[in-house]
Amino acid sequence: MGEISKDVYEKWRLEYGSQISELKAKMEKEYILLETTGGILDRNLDMLTDINKIYEKATLLQKRELIRLLFDDNLCYRKGEYHIVNDKLQN
């Protein structure tokens, strides 16, 4: 009682074994991506803490690019004030 045949076991082992292998590979890929992203953040965190100094030293084009990157193209100027536009909130 509670036993399965060798054929059923082999069928499930092959089917689920390949799925397990695929999932493990995906997890490894995501882990490497997370490590890489975390490493980039760690290496550049000091720059973010002194963003004002970076902005002051930047050329006009560099300032534009920095603002675009920081605000993801969602910064607008309206009625004398800067606003962050979030399309998700407006809809």
N, C-alpha and C. Protein backbone atom coordinates (compact mmCIF):
# COMPACT_ATOMS: atom_id res chain seq x y z
N MET A 1 0.83 -1.18 0.00
CA MET A 1 0.00 0.00 0.00
C MET A 1 0.88 1.24 0.00
N GLY A 2 0.46 2.30 -0.72
CA GLY A 2 1.19 3.54 -0.77
C GLY A 2 2.40 3.49 -1.70
N GLU A 3 2.50 2.45 -2.50
CA GLU A 3 3.63 2.34 -3.42
C GLU A 3 3.16 2.63 -4.83
N ILE A 4 4.10 3.10 -5.65
CA ILE A 4 3.79 3.34 -7.07
C ILE A 4 4.69 2.44 -7.90
N SER A 5 4.28 2.25 -9.12
CA SER A 5 5.06 1.38 -10.00
C SER A 5 6.32 2.12 -10.48
N LYS A 6 7.28 1.36 -10.94
CA LYS A 6 8.52 1.92 -11.44
C LYS A 6 8.25 2.81 -12.65
N ASP A 7 7.32 2.42 -13.51
CA ASP A 7 7.00 3.21 -14.70
C ASP A 7 6.43 4.58 -14.32
N VAL A 8 5.52 4.60 -13.35
CA VAL A 8 4.92 5.87 -12.91
C VAL A 8 6.00 6.76 -12.28
N TYR A 9 6.85 6.14 -11.46
CA TYR A 9 7.92 6.89 -10.82
C TYR A 9 8.84 7.52 -11.87
N GLU A 10 9.25 6.75 -12.86
CA GLU A 10 10.15 7.25 -13.91
C GLU A 10 9.50 8.39 -14.70
N LYS A 11 8.22 8.22 -14.99
CA LYS A 11 7.50 9.26 -15.74
C LYS A 11 7.50 10.57 -14.95
N TRP A 12 7.14 10.51 -13.69
CA TRP A 12 7.09 11.71 -12.86
C TRP A 12 8.48 12.28 -12.60
N ARG A 13 9.46 11.39 -12.41
CA ARG A 13 10.82 11.85 -12.16
C ARG A 13 11.34 12.64 -13.36
N LEU A 14 11.10 12.11 -14.55
CA LEU A 14 11.55 12.81 -15.76
C LEU A 14 10.81 14.14 -15.95
N GLU A 15 9.50 14.09 -15.78
CA GLU A 15 8.68 15.30 -15.99
C GLU A 15 9.00 16.38 -14.97
N TYR A 16 8.95 16.02 -13.72
CA TYR A 16 9.16 17.02 -12.67
C TYR A 16 10.64 17.32 -12.44
N GLY A 17 11.50 16.37 -12.77
CA GLY A 17 12.93 16.61 -12.65
C GLY A 17 13.39 17.71 -13.59
N SER A 18 12.89 17.71 -14.81
CA SER A 18 13.26 18.76 -15.76
C SER A 18 12.68 20.11 -15.33
N GLN A 19 11.46 20.09 -14.79
CA GLN A 19 10.88 21.35 -14.30
C GLN A 19 11.67 21.90 -13.12
N ILE A 20 12.09 21.01 -12.23
CA ILE A 20 12.89 21.43 -11.08
C ILE A 20 14.21 22.02 -11.56
N SER A 21 14.84 21.38 -12.54
CA SER A 21 16.11 21.88 -13.08
C SER A 21 15.93 23.26 -13.71
N GLU A 22 14.84 23.45 -14.46
CA GLU A 22 14.57 24.74 -15.08
C GLU A 22 14.36 25.83 -14.02
N LEU A 23 13.61 25.49 -12.98
CA LEU A 23 13.35 26.47 -11.91
C LEU A 23 14.63 26.82 -11.15
N LYS A 24 15.46 25.82 -10.91
CA LYS A 24 16.74 26.08 -10.24
C LYS A 24 17.61 27.00 -11.09
N ALA A 25 17.62 26.77 -12.40
CA ALA A 25 18.41 27.62 -13.30
C ALA A 25 17.89 29.05 -13.29
N LYS A 26 16.56 29.21 -13.29
CA LYS A 26 15.97 30.55 -13.23
C LYS A 26 16.32 31.24 -11.92
N MET A 27 16.26 30.49 -10.83
CA MET A 27 16.59 31.06 -9.52
C MET A 27 18.05 31.50 -9.49
N GLU A 28 18.93 30.70 -10.05
CA GLU A 28 20.35 31.05 -10.09
C GLU A 28 20.57 32.32 -10.91
N LYS A 29 19.89 32.40 -12.04
CA LYS A 29 20.01 33.59 -12.90
C LYS A 29 19.53 34.84 -12.16
N GLU A 30 18.40 34.73 -11.47
CA GLU A 30 17.86 35.86 -10.71
C GLU A 30 18.78 36.23 -9.56
N TYR A 31 19.38 35.23 -8.92
CA TYR A 31 20.30 35.49 -7.82
C TYR A 31 21.53 36.25 -8.32
N ILE A 32 22.07 35.83 -9.47
CA ILE A 32 23.23 36.51 -10.05
C ILE A 32 22.85 37.94 -10.41
N LEU A 33 21.67 38.14 -10.99
CA LEU A 33 21.20 39.49 -11.33
C LEU A 33 21.08 40.34 -10.07
N LEU A 34 20.53 39.77 -9.01
CA LEU A 34 20.38 40.49 -7.75
C LEU A 34 21.74 40.85 -7.17
N GLU A 35 22.69 39.92 -7.20
CA GLU A 35 24.04 40.18 -6.70
C GLU A 35 24.70 41.29 -7.52
N THR A 36 24.56 41.22 -8.83
CA THR A 36 25.17 42.22 -9.72
C THR A 36 24.57 43.60 -9.45
N THR A 37 23.26 43.66 -9.38
CA THR A 37 22.59 44.93 -9.12
C THR A 37 22.96 45.49 -7.75
N GLY A 38 22.99 44.62 -6.76
CA GLY A 38 23.38 45.05 -5.42
C GLY A 38 24.81 45.55 -5.37
N GLY A 39 25.69 44.88 -6.12
CA GLY A 39 27.08 45.30 -6.18
C GLY A 39 27.23 46.66 -6.83
N ILE A 40 26.50 46.89 -7.90
CA ILE A 40 26.54 48.19 -8.57
C ILE A 40 26.03 49.27 -7.63
N LEU A 41 24.96 48.99 -6.93
CA LEU A 41 24.41 49.96 -5.98
C LEU A 41 25.41 50.25 -4.87
N ASP A 42 26.00 49.21 -4.31
CA ASP A 42 26.99 49.40 -3.23
C ASP A 42 28.16 50.25 -3.69
N ARG A 43 28.66 49.98 -4.91
CA ARG A 43 29.81 50.72 -5.40
C ARG A 43 29.49 52.18 -5.68
N ASN A 44 28.24 52.49 -6.00
CA ASN A 44 27.88 53.85 -6.39
C ASN A 44 27.07 54.60 -5.33
N LEU A 45 26.84 53.99 -4.19
CA LEU A 45 26.03 54.62 -3.16
C LEU A 45 26.66 55.92 -2.65
N ASP A 46 27.98 55.94 -2.54
CA ASP A 46 28.64 57.16 -2.08
C ASP A 46 28.36 58.33 -3.01
N MET A 47 28.30 58.07 -4.31
CA MET A 47 28.01 59.14 -5.25
C MET A 47 26.62 59.71 -5.01
N LEU A 48 25.68 58.86 -4.67
CA LEU A 48 24.31 59.33 -4.47
C LEU A 48 24.19 60.21 -3.23
N THR A 49 25.02 59.98 -2.25
CA THR A 49 24.93 60.78 -1.03
C THR A 49 25.42 62.19 -1.24
N ASP A 50 26.22 62.43 -2.29
CA ASP A 50 26.73 63.76 -2.57
C ASP A 50 26.25 64.23 -3.94
N ILE A 51 24.99 64.03 -4.22
CA ILE A 51 24.42 64.35 -5.53
C ILE A 51 24.47 65.85 -5.81
N ASN A 52 24.37 66.67 -4.78
CA ASN A 52 24.42 68.12 -4.98
C ASN A 52 25.76 68.54 -5.56
N LYS A 53 26.85 67.96 -5.06
CA LYS A 53 28.19 68.29 -5.56
C LYS A 53 28.33 67.83 -7.01
N ILE A 54 27.83 66.66 -7.31
CA ILE A 54 27.88 66.14 -8.68
C ILE A 54 27.10 67.07 -9.61
N TYR A 55 25.92 67.50 -9.18
CA TYR A 55 25.09 68.38 -10.00
C TYR A 55 25.79 69.71 -10.23
N GLU A 56 26.41 70.28 -9.21
CA GLU A 56 27.09 71.57 -9.35
C GLU A 56 28.24 71.50 -10.34
N LYS A 57 28.95 70.39 -10.40
CA LYS A 57 30.11 70.25 -11.28
C LYS A 57 29.72 69.86 -12.70
N ALA A 58 28.48 69.44 -12.92
CA ALA A 58 28.05 68.93 -14.22
C ALA A 58 27.84 70.06 -15.23
N THR A 59 28.01 69.71 -16.50
CA THR A 59 27.68 70.64 -17.58
C THR A 59 26.16 70.69 -17.72
N LEU A 60 25.67 71.59 -18.54
CA LEU A 60 24.22 71.70 -18.72
C LEU A 60 23.62 70.40 -19.25
N LEU A 61 24.28 69.79 -20.23
CA LEU A 61 23.77 68.53 -20.78
C LEU A 61 23.81 67.41 -19.74
N GLN A 62 24.86 67.37 -18.93
CA GLN A 62 24.95 66.36 -17.88
C GLN A 62 23.86 66.57 -16.83
N LYS A 63 23.56 67.84 -16.52
CA LYS A 63 22.50 68.13 -15.55
C LYS A 63 21.15 67.65 -16.08
N ARG A 64 20.90 67.90 -17.36
CA ARG A 64 19.64 67.43 -17.96
C ARG A 64 19.52 65.92 -17.87
N GLU A 65 20.60 65.22 -18.21
CA GLU A 65 20.59 63.76 -18.18
C GLU A 65 20.41 63.25 -16.75
N LEU A 66 21.09 63.88 -15.79
CA LEU A 66 20.96 63.49 -14.39
C LEU A 66 19.52 63.64 -13.90
N ILE A 67 18.91 64.75 -14.23
CA ILE A 67 17.51 64.99 -13.83
C ILE A 67 16.60 63.97 -14.50
N ARG A 68 16.85 63.70 -15.78
CA ARG A 68 16.02 62.72 -16.50
C ARG A 68 16.15 61.34 -15.85
N LEU A 69 17.37 60.96 -15.49
CA LEU A 69 17.58 59.65 -14.87
C LEU A 69 16.95 59.57 -13.48
N LEU A 70 17.12 60.62 -12.69
CA LEU A 70 16.60 60.61 -11.33
C LEU A 70 15.07 60.62 -11.28
N PHE A 71 14.47 61.35 -12.19
CA PHE A 71 13.02 61.50 -12.15
C PHE A 71 12.30 60.71 -13.23
N ASP A 72 13.05 59.88 -13.95
CA ASP A 72 12.45 58.96 -14.94
C ASP A 72 11.54 59.69 -15.91
N ASP A 73 11.97 60.86 -16.37
CA ASP A 73 11.21 61.68 -17.33
C ASP A 73 9.83 62.09 -16.80
N ASN A 74 9.64 62.11 -15.49
CA ASN A 74 8.35 62.48 -14.91
C ASN A 74 8.37 63.83 -14.23
N LEU A 75 9.39 64.65 -14.47
CA LEU A 75 9.48 65.96 -13.86
C LEU A 75 8.97 66.99 -14.85
N CYS A 76 8.07 67.85 -14.40
CA CYS A 76 7.57 68.91 -15.28
C CYS A 76 7.53 70.23 -14.51
N TYR A 77 7.52 71.32 -15.25
CA TYR A 77 7.48 72.66 -14.69
C TYR A 77 6.14 73.27 -15.04
N ARG A 78 5.38 73.66 -14.00
CA ARG A 78 4.04 74.18 -14.23
C ARG A 78 3.75 75.29 -13.22
N LYS A 79 3.33 76.42 -13.73
CA LYS A 79 2.95 77.57 -12.89
C LYS A 79 4.04 77.94 -11.89
N GLY A 80 5.30 77.94 -12.38
CA GLY A 80 6.41 78.37 -11.54
C GLY A 80 6.93 77.33 -10.56
N GLU A 81 6.45 76.11 -10.64
CA GLU A 81 6.89 75.06 -9.72
C GLU A 81 7.19 73.77 -10.47
N TYR A 82 8.10 73.00 -9.91
CA TYR A 82 8.40 71.69 -10.46
C TYR A 82 7.47 70.65 -9.84
N HIS A 83 7.02 69.73 -10.66
CA HIS A 83 6.12 68.67 -10.20
C HIS A 83 6.59 67.34 -10.76
N ILE A 84 6.37 66.30 -9.99
CA ILE A 84 6.62 64.95 -10.48
C ILE A 84 5.30 64.41 -10.99
N VAL A 85 5.28 64.04 -12.26
CA VAL A 85 4.06 63.54 -12.89
C VAL A 85 4.07 62.02 -12.81
N ASN A 86 3.03 61.46 -12.27
CA ASN A 86 2.92 60.00 -12.18
C ASN A 86 1.64 59.62 -12.91
N ASP A 87 1.81 59.06 -14.13
CA ASP A 87 0.64 58.69 -14.93
C ASP A 87 -0.28 57.72 -14.23
N LYS A 88 0.26 56.86 -13.37
CA LYS A 88 -0.56 55.89 -12.67
C LYS A 88 -1.52 56.57 -11.71
N LEU A 89 -1.06 57.69 -11.13
CA LEU A 89 -1.93 58.40 -10.18
C LEU A 89 -2.98 59.24 -10.89
N GLN A 90 -2.67 59.70 -12.12
CA GLN A 90 -3.59 60.56 -12.82
C GLN A 90 -4.75 59.81 -13.46
N ASN A 91 -4.57 58.54 -13.75
CA ASN A 91 -5.63 57.77 -14.40
C ASN A 91 -6.63 57.24 -13.43
